[in-house]
Amino acid sequence: MKVTQALLGEHAVFTTLFTHLETRIPQADSGAELVALGAMLQSALASHAQLEDKLLFGALEDVMDTRMGPVAVMRLEHEQIEGGLEALMTQDDVTAATRTLLQVIDTARSHFAKEEQILFPLSAQLLGDEVLETFGERWASARHVIE
């Protein structure tokens, strides 16, 4: 399996999680509840982002300009998502925490769309199937997937 296919599968799981959270967040009774929801999301997204960084972004940066372009945008958005989740951890106000967490989800949805529509096809062009398959094996190993 190509790493882009594996990451796309993870995106599908996150999309379901985002939809659930968007329903649950407005019902939260406290900032602590929102922080707990954000911490769960932070843990899951961090693992996904680390694998993208390690397996895909670095390889793309080896063959294209690192100062601008899709990979630079992807890295910036990872930082924005991480920063939003870190900011959430210190918010006591339910309204502010709600706004922050929903903004993180919106940024992540947009980020995934860019990866799926731009970065993954570009990866296929620049890196080729063989490299993406090798990275897919590394993804499976990191995820402890039995093939």
Foldseek 3Di string as FASTA:
>chain_A
DFQLVVLVVVVVVVVVVLVVCVVCLVVDPWLVVLLVSLVVVLVSVVVSVVLCVVQPLVVVVVPDPPVDDDSVVLVVLVVLLNVLSVVSNPDGDSVVNSVSVNVSSVSVVVSVVCCVPPVVVVCCVPPNDVSRVVSVVVVCVVVVNDD
